[in-house]
Amino acid sequence: MSVESPKTLIQVARTSGETDVVPPIDLGARVRELRKARKWTLEQAAKQAGLARSTLSKIENGQMSPTYDALKKLAVGLEISVPQLFTPPAADKITGRMALTKSGEGAAKATTTYEHELLADTLRKKQMLPYRALIRARAMEEFDGWVRHDGEEFLYVLTGVIRLYTEFYEPVDMRRGDSAYYDAAMGHNVISISHEDATILWVTSLV
């Protein structure tokens, strides 16, 4: 499944009451920025992510829309989560802002194991990344190893039953209303163990 960059412009309301139109996240530029921040060459980053150099070059230059597998490899190689690929880093401090996301109106990012709905997506330069996730995975074998990235993460079960796997703890089953807060650099994965796909609220700190 390919994931394309959003084409619509995003409106950001400032405290002055004015509204500016800002461009959407450019995935290629975001990947290049993350790579250069680590002082990696194309060859080094491609090797880290397990991708061909030509593939990474095309992604950075907007010449191809990467599949989810490629996005997942990029995220693992860069040690961030997939949603963080679509979120700019925090920069200047901005105060007095608010973003309202009505039910079902978040930015959708479908994957093979999770279906993410990014919340407060119109708010730029934020310190946290909130998103609702539909858990499709039913077994650890559906993941290519642990998910791990910088920062801390909060998980809250909305519906269904999940099993939270972490690198240093025994797996734990969680039901509606249960929550967990953990170091995101520790390997972690979530599967649904209920008949239906479980849904959870995830909040990831952006560091």
C-alpha atoms as a PDB file:
ATOM      1  CA  MET A   1       0.000   0.000   0.000  1.00  0.00           C
ATOM      2  CA  SER A   2       1.495   3.344  -0.984  1.00  0.00           C
ATOM      3  CA  VAL A   3       1.222   6.418   1.206  1.00  0.00           C
ATOM      4  CA  GLU A   4       1.058   9.745  -0.551  1.00  0.00           C
ATOM      5  CA  SER A   5       1.862  13.140   0.877  1.00  0.00           C
ATOM      6  CA  PRO A   6      -1.250  15.257   1.524  1.00  0.00           C
ATOM      7  CA  LYS A   7      -2.030  17.641  -1.334  1.00  0.00           C
ATOM      8  CA  THR A   8      -4.254  20.127   0.481  1.00  0.00           C
ATOM      9  CA  LEU A   9      -2.942  23.211   2.214  1.00  0.00           C
ATOM     10  CA  ILE A  10      -3.243  23.460   5.971  1.00  0.00           C
ATOM     11  CA  GLN A  11      -4.552  26.534   7.707  1.00  0.00           C
ATOM     12  CA  VAL A  12      -2.946  27.491  10.997  1.00  0.00           C
ATOM     13  CA  ALA A  13      -4.740  29.938  13.307  1.00  0.00           C
ATOM     14  CA  ARG A  14      -2.414  32.283  15.157  1.00  0.00           C
ATOM     15  CA  THR A  15      -3.067  34.132  18.380  1.00  0.00           C
ATOM     16  CA  SER A  16      -3.495  37.383  16.465  1.00  0.00           C
ATOM     17  CA  GLY A  17      -6.624  35.959  14.907  1.00  0.00           C
ATOM     18  CA  GLU A  18      -5.023  35.857  11.458  1.00  0.00           C
ATOM     19  CA  THR A  19      -4.936  32.660   9.435  1.00  0.00           C
ATOM     20  CA  ASP A  20      -1.883  31.734   7.349  1.00  0.00           C
ATOM     21  CA  VAL A  21      -1.768  29.095   4.653  1.00  0.00           C
ATOM     22  CA  VAL A  22       1.265  26.876   5.045  1.00  0.00           C
ATOM     23  CA  PRO A  23       2.406  23.993   2.853  1.00  0.00           C
ATOM     24  CA  PRO A  24       1.803  20.379   3.903  1.00  0.00           C
ATOM     25  CA  ILE A  25       4.635  18.205   5.126  1.00  0.00           C
ATOM     26  CA  ASP A  26       6.967  17.278   2.268  1.00  0.00           C
ATOM     27  CA  LEU A  27       7.915  13.670   3.091  1.00  0.00           C
ATOM     28  CA  GLY A  28      11.027  13.753   0.939  1.00  0.00           C
ATOM     29  CA  ALA A  29      12.295  16.951   2.522  1.00  0.00           C
ATOM     30  CA  ARG A  30      11.445  15.584   5.974  1.00  0.00           C
ATOM     31  CA  VAL A  31      13.439  12.391   5.349  1.00  0.00           C
ATOM     32  CA  ARG A  32      16.386  14.413   4.005  1.00  0.00           C
ATOM     33  CA  GLU A  33      16.247  16.704   7.046  1.00  0.00           C
ATOM     34  CA  LEU A  34      16.276  13.730   9.436  1.00  0.00           C
ATOM     35  CA  ARG A  35      19.139  12.104   7.542  1.00  0.00           C
ATOM     36  CA  LYS A  36      21.266  15.248   7.516  1.00  0.00           C
ATOM     37  CA  ALA A  37      20.553  15.875  11.202  1.00  0.00           C
ATOM     38  CA  ARG A  38      22.281  12.545  11.833  1.00  0.00           C
ATOM     39  CA  LYS A  39      25.122  13.522   9.469  1.00  0.00           C
ATOM     40  CA  TRP A  40      24.478  10.443   7.328  1.00  0.00           C
ATOM     41  CA  THR A  41      25.202  10.159   3.630  1.00  0.00           C
ATOM     42  CA  LEU A  42      22.575   8.656   1.339  1.00  0.00           C
ATOM     43  CA  GLU A  43      24.543   5.405   1.397  1.00  0.00           C
ATOM     44  CA  GLN A  44      24.707   5.328   5.201  1.00  0.00           C
ATOM     45  CA  ALA A  45      21.010   6.118   5.627  1.00  0.00           C
ATOM     46  CA  ALA A  46      19.970   3.592   2.974  1.00  0.00           C
ATOM     47  CA  LYS A  47      22.046   0.896   4.656  1.00  0.00           C
ATOM     48  CA  GLN A  48      20.609   1.793   8.077  1.00  0.00           C
ATOM     49  CA  ALA A  49      17.066   1.529   6.714  1.00  0.00           C
ATOM     50  CA  GLY A  50      17.689  -1.538   4.576  1.00  0.00           C
ATOM     51  CA  LEU A  51      16.756   0.279   1.371  1.00  0.00           C
ATOM     52  CA  ALA A  52      18.538   0.722  -1.938  1.00  0.00           C
ATOM     53  CA  ARG A  53      20.368   4.046  -2.289  1.00  0.00           C
ATOM     54  CA  SER A  54      18.402   4.776  -5.459  1.00  0.00           C
ATOM     55  CA  THR A  55      15.110   4.180  -3.628  1.00  0.00           C
ATOM     56  CA  LEU A  56      16.022   6.560  -0.811  1.00  0.00           C
ATOM     57  CA  SER A  57      17.185   9.162  -3.329  1.00  0.00           C
ATOM     58  CA  LYS A  58      13.865   8.966  -5.190  1.00  0.00           C
ATOM     59  CA  ILE A  59      11.918   9.308  -1.913  1.00  0.00           C
ATOM     60  CA  GLU A  60      13.935  12.383  -0.882  1.00  0.00           C
ATOM     61  CA  ASN A  61      13.455  13.973  -4.289  1.00  0.00           C
ATOM     62  CA  GLY A  62       9.718  13.275  -4.418  1.00  0.00           C
ATOM     63  CA  GLN A  63      10.103  10.940  -7.390  1.00  0.00           C
ATOM     64  CA  MET A  64       8.246   8.048  -5.794  1.00  0.00           C
ATOM     65  CA  SER A  65       5.533   7.429  -3.208  1.00  0.00           C
ATOM     66  CA  PRO A  66       6.971   4.876  -0.755  1.00  0.00           C
ATOM     67  CA  THR A  67       5.087   1.766   0.271  1.00  0.00           C
ATOM     68  CA  TYR A  68       4.309   1.247   3.941  1.00  0.00           C
ATOM     69  CA  ASP A  69       7.120  -1.321   4.155  1.00  0.00           C
ATOM     70  CA  ALA A  70       9.541   1.347   2.941  1.00  0.00           C
ATOM     71  CA  LEU A  71       8.117   3.883   5.420  1.00  0.00           C
ATOM     72  CA  LYS A  72       8.449   1.375   8.238  1.00  0.00           C
ATOM     73  CA  LYS A  73      12.077   0.652   7.285  1.00  0.00           C
ATOM     74  CA  LEU A  74      12.800   4.381   7.167  1.00  0.00           C
ATOM     75  CA  ALA A  75      11.232   4.937  10.582  1.00  0.00           C
ATOM     76  CA  VAL A  76      13.147   2.032  12.136  1.00  0.00           C
ATOM     77  CA  GLY A  77      16.394   3.152  10.487  1.00  0.00           C
ATOM     78  CA  LEU A  78      15.919   6.730  11.708  1.00  0.00           C
ATOM     79  CA  GLU A  79      14.776   5.478  15.136  1.00  0.00           C
ATOM     80  CA  ILE A  80      11.436   7.284  15.054  1.00  0.00           C
ATOM     81  CA  SER A  81       7.800   6.213  14.671  1.00  0.00           C
ATOM     82  CA  VAL A  82       6.033   6.202  11.296  1.00  0.00           C
ATOM     83  CA  PRO A  83       3.721   9.146  12.251  1.00  0.00           C
ATOM     84  CA  GLN A  84       6.805  11.209  13.142  1.00  0.00           C
ATOM     85  CA  LEU A  85       7.861  11.031   9.491  1.00  0.00           C
ATOM     86  CA  PHE A  86       4.877  13.262   8.744  1.00  0.00           C
ATOM     87  CA  THR A  87       5.402  15.692  11.626  1.00  0.00           C
ATOM     88  CA  PRO A  88       7.924  18.558  11.583  1.00  0.00           C
ATOM     89  CA  PRO A  89      10.267  18.991  14.554  1.00  0.00           C
ATOM     90  CA  ALA A  90       9.384  21.470  17.266  1.00  0.00           C
ATOM     91  CA  ALA A  91      11.123  24.819  16.839  1.00  0.00           C
ATOM     92  CA  ASP A  92      10.098  28.271  18.020  1.00  0.00           C
ATOM     93  CA  LYS A  93       7.819  28.398  21.023  1.00  0.00           C
ATOM     94  CA  ILE A  94       4.241  29.337  20.138  1.00  0.00           C
ATOM     95  CA  THR A  95       1.572  29.939  22.772  1.00  0.00           C
ATOM     96  CA  GLY A  96      -2.169  30.424  22.876  1.00  0.00           C
ATOM     97  CA  ARG A  97      -2.983  27.853  20.193  1.00  0.00           C
ATOM     98  CA  MET A  98      -5.697  25.244  19.909  1.00  0.00           C
ATOM     99  CA  ALA A  99      -6.582  22.590  17.353  1.00  0.00           C
ATOM    100  CA  LEU A 100      -9.952  20.851  17.216  1.00  0.00           C
ATOM    101  CA  THR A 101     -10.250  17.468  15.503  1.00  0.00           C
ATOM    102  CA  LYS A 102     -13.792  16.141  15.212  1.00  0.00           C
ATOM    103  CA  SER A 103     -14.446  12.410  15.216  1.00  0.00           C
ATOM    104  CA  GLY A 104     -13.301  10.761  12.004  1.00  0.00           C
ATOM    105  CA  GLU A 105     -11.710  13.940  10.642  1.00  0.00           C
ATOM    106  CA  GLY A 106      -8.079  13.194  11.549  1.00  0.00           C
ATOM    107  CA  ALA A 107      -5.444  12.678   8.854  1.00  0.00           C
ATOM    108  CA  ALA A 108      -5.462   8.979   7.966  1.00  0.00           C
ATOM    109  CA  LYS A 109      -2.225   7.015   7.530  1.00  0.00           C
ATOM    110  CA  ALA A 110      -3.066   3.366   6.845  1.00  0.00           C
ATOM    111  CA  THR A 111      -0.506   0.600   7.376  1.00  0.00           C
ATOM    112  CA  THR A 112      -0.494  -3.198   7.371  1.00  0.00           C
ATOM    113  CA  THR A 113      -0.466  -3.504  11.163  1.00  0.00           C
ATOM    114  CA  TYR A 114      -1.960  -0.228  12.376  1.00  0.00           C
ATOM    115  CA  GLU A 115      -4.290   2.370  10.904  1.00  0.00           C
ATOM    116  CA  HIS A 116      -3.293   5.770  12.271  1.00  0.00           C
ATOM    117  CA  GLU A 117      -5.519   8.831  12.469  1.00  0.00           C
ATOM    118  CA  LEU A 118      -3.340  11.835  13.247  1.00  0.00           C
ATOM    119  CA  LEU A 119      -5.050  14.281  15.622  1.00  0.00           C
ATOM    120  CA  ALA A 120      -4.406  18.051  15.839  1.00  0.00           C
ATOM    121  CA  ASP A 121      -2.692  17.619  12.468  1.00  0.00           C
ATOM    122  CA  THR A 122      -3.156  21.304  11.575  1.00  0.00           C
ATOM    123  CA  LEU A 123      -1.103  22.396  14.578  1.00  0.00           C
ATOM    124  CA  ARG A 124       2.521  22.891  13.623  1.00  0.00           C
ATOM    125  CA  LYS A 125       5.602  22.864  15.876  1.00  0.00           C
ATOM    126  CA  LYS A 126       3.874  20.923  18.630  1.00  0.00           C
ATOM    127  CA  GLN A 127       5.561  19.084  21.495  1.00  0.00           C
ATOM    128  CA  MET A 128       3.353  15.983  21.364  1.00  0.00           C
ATOM    129  CA  LEU A 129       2.020  13.814  18.572  1.00  0.00           C
ATOM    130  CA  PRO A 130      -1.478  12.484  19.415  1.00  0.00           C
ATOM    131  CA  TYR A 131      -3.089   9.888  17.193  1.00  0.00           C
ATOM    132  CA  ARG A 132      -5.822   7.291  17.280  1.00  0.00           C
ATOM    133  CA  ALA A 133      -4.814   3.840  16.053  1.00  0.00           C
ATOM    134  CA  LEU A 134      -6.851   0.901  14.833  1.00  0.00           C
ATOM    135  CA  ILE A 135      -4.854  -2.223  15.713  1.00  0.00           C
ATOM    136  CA  ARG A 136      -4.973  -4.692  12.844  1.00  0.00           C
ATOM    137  CA  ALA A 137      -2.065  -6.907  13.882  1.00  0.00           C
ATOM    138  CA  ARG A 138      -2.917 -10.211  15.537  1.00  0.00           C
ATOM    139  CA  ALA A 139       0.580 -11.647  16.078  1.00  0.00           C
ATOM    140  CA  MET A 140       4.119 -10.418  16.736  1.00  0.00           C
ATOM    141  CA  GLU A 141       5.215 -12.161  13.542  1.00  0.00           C
ATOM    142  CA  GLU A 142       3.462  -9.422  11.564  1.00  0.00           C
ATOM    143  CA  PHE A 143       6.144  -6.928  12.661  1.00  0.00           C
ATOM    144  CA  ASP A 144       9.690  -6.642  11.356  1.00  0.00           C
ATOM    145  CA  GLY A 145      11.172  -6.549  14.841  1.00  0.00           C
ATOM    146  CA  TRP A 146      10.633  -3.989  17.586  1.00  0.00           C
ATOM    147  CA  VAL A 147       9.340  -0.466  17.048  1.00  0.00           C
ATOM    148  CA  ARG A 148      11.511   1.997  18.955  1.00  0.00           C
ATOM    149  CA  HIS A 149      12.159   5.725  18.707  1.00  0.00           C
ATOM    150  CA  ASP A 150      13.214   8.709  20.794  1.00  0.00           C
ATOM    151  CA  GLY A 151      10.960  10.225  23.431  1.00  0.00           C
ATOM    152  CA  GLU A 152       8.217   8.876  25.669  1.00  0.00           C
ATOM    153  CA  GLU A 153       4.828   7.459  24.801  1.00  0.00           C
ATOM    154  CA  PHE A 154       1.394   7.205  26.391  1.00  0.00           C
ATOM    155  CA  LEU A 155      -1.123   4.545  25.337  1.00  0.00           C
ATOM    156  CA  TYR A 156      -4.822   4.448  26.313  1.00  0.00           C
ATOM    157  CA  VAL A 157      -7.169   1.637  25.230  1.00  0.00           C
ATOM    158  CA  LEU A 158     -10.413   2.940  23.730  1.00  0.00           C
ATOM    159  CA  THR A 159     -12.085  -0.275  22.527  1.00  0.00           C
ATOM    160  CA  GLY A 160     -11.317  -3.978  22.393  1.00  0.00           C
ATOM    161  CA  VAL A 161      -8.477  -5.839  24.064  1.00  0.00           C
ATOM    162  CA  ILE A 162      -4.796  -5.450  23.196  1.00  0.00           C
ATOM    163  CA  ARG A 163      -1.576  -7.140  24.187  1.00  0.00           C
ATOM    164  CA  LEU A 164       1.317  -4.763  24.760  1.00  0.00           C
ATOM    165  CA  TYR A 165       4.740  -6.282  24.113  1.00  0.00           C
ATOM    166  CA  THR A 166       7.803  -4.467  25.413  1.00  0.00           C
ATOM    167  CA  GLU A 167      11.478  -5.294  25.242  1.00  0.00           C
ATOM    168  CA  PHE A 168      12.138  -5.480  28.984  1.00  0.00           C
ATOM    169  CA  TYR A 169       8.772  -6.526  30.447  1.00  0.00           C
ATOM    170  CA  GLU A 170       6.410  -9.453  30.159  1.00  0.00           C
ATOM    171  CA  PRO A 171       3.526  -8.960  27.693  1.00  0.00           C
ATOM    172  CA  VAL A 172       0.449  -7.438  29.316  1.00  0.00           C
ATOM    173  CA  ASP A 173      -3.203  -7.636  28.221  1.00  0.00           C
ATOM    174  CA  MET A 174      -5.062  -4.320  28.369  1.00  0.00           C
ATOM    175  CA  ARG A 175      -8.764  -3.493  28.087  1.00  0.00           C
ATOM    176  CA  ARG A 176     -10.853  -0.364  27.655  1.00  0.00           C
ATOM    177  CA  GLY A 177      -9.747   2.298  30.111  1.00  0.00           C
ATOM    178  CA  ASP A 178      -6.305   0.736  30.726  1.00  0.00           C
ATOM    179  CA  SER A 179      -3.254   2.856  29.967  1.00  0.00           C
ATOM    180  CA  ALA A 180       0.532   2.633  29.843  1.00  0.00           C
ATOM    181  CA  TYR A 181       3.311   5.219  29.839  1.00  0.00           C
ATOM    182  CA  TYR A 182       6.741   4.069  28.715  1.00  0.00           C
ATOM    183  CA  ASP A 183      10.130   4.951  27.308  1.00  0.00           C
ATOM    184  CA  ALA A 184       9.658   4.790  23.519  1.00  0.00           C
ATOM    185  CA  ALA A 185      13.326   3.920  22.998  1.00  0.00           C
ATOM    186  CA  MET A 186      12.434   0.540  24.523  1.00  0.00           C
ATOM    187  CA  GLY A 187      11.222  -1.859  21.845  1.00  0.00           C
ATOM    188  CA  HIS A 188       7.412  -2.080  21.792  1.00  0.00           C
ATOM    189  CA  ASN A 189       4.604  -3.531  19.671  1.00  0.00           C
ATOM    190  CA  VAL A 190       0.845  -3.847  20.102  1.00  0.00           C
ATOM    191  CA  ILE A 191      -1.543  -6.495  18.788  1.00  0.00           C
ATOM    192  CA  SER A 192      -5.313  -6.918  19.111  1.00  0.00           C
ATOM    193  CA  ILE A 193      -6.478 -10.076  20.898  1.00  0.00           C
ATOM    194  CA  SER A 194     -10.202  -9.320  20.682  1.00  0.00           C
ATOM    195  CA  HIS A 195     -12.416 -10.461  17.806  1.00  0.00           C
ATOM    196  CA  GLU A 196     -12.639  -6.931  16.483  1.00  0.00           C
ATOM    197  CA  ASP A 197      -9.741  -4.599  15.717  1.00  0.00           C
ATOM    198  CA  ALA A 198      -8.965  -2.742  18.940  1.00  0.00           C
ATOM    199  CA  THR A 199      -8.582   1.043  19.002  1.00  0.00           C
ATOM    200  CA  ILE A 200      -6.173   2.995  21.171  1.00  0.00           C
ATOM    201  CA  LEU A 201      -5.120   6.581  21.739  1.00  0.00           C
ATOM    202  CA  TRP A 202      -1.376   7.085  21.418  1.00  0.00           C
ATOM    203  CA  VAL A 203       0.486  10.240  22.441  1.00  0.00           C
ATOM    204  CA  THR A 204       4.160  10.425  21.504  1.00  0.00           C
ATOM    205  CA  SER A 205       6.502  13.146  22.731  1.00  0.00           C
ATOM    206  CA  LEU A 206       8.457  14.901  19.981  1.00  0.00           C
ATOM    207  CA  VAL A 207      12.104  15.340  20.947  1.00  0.00           C
END
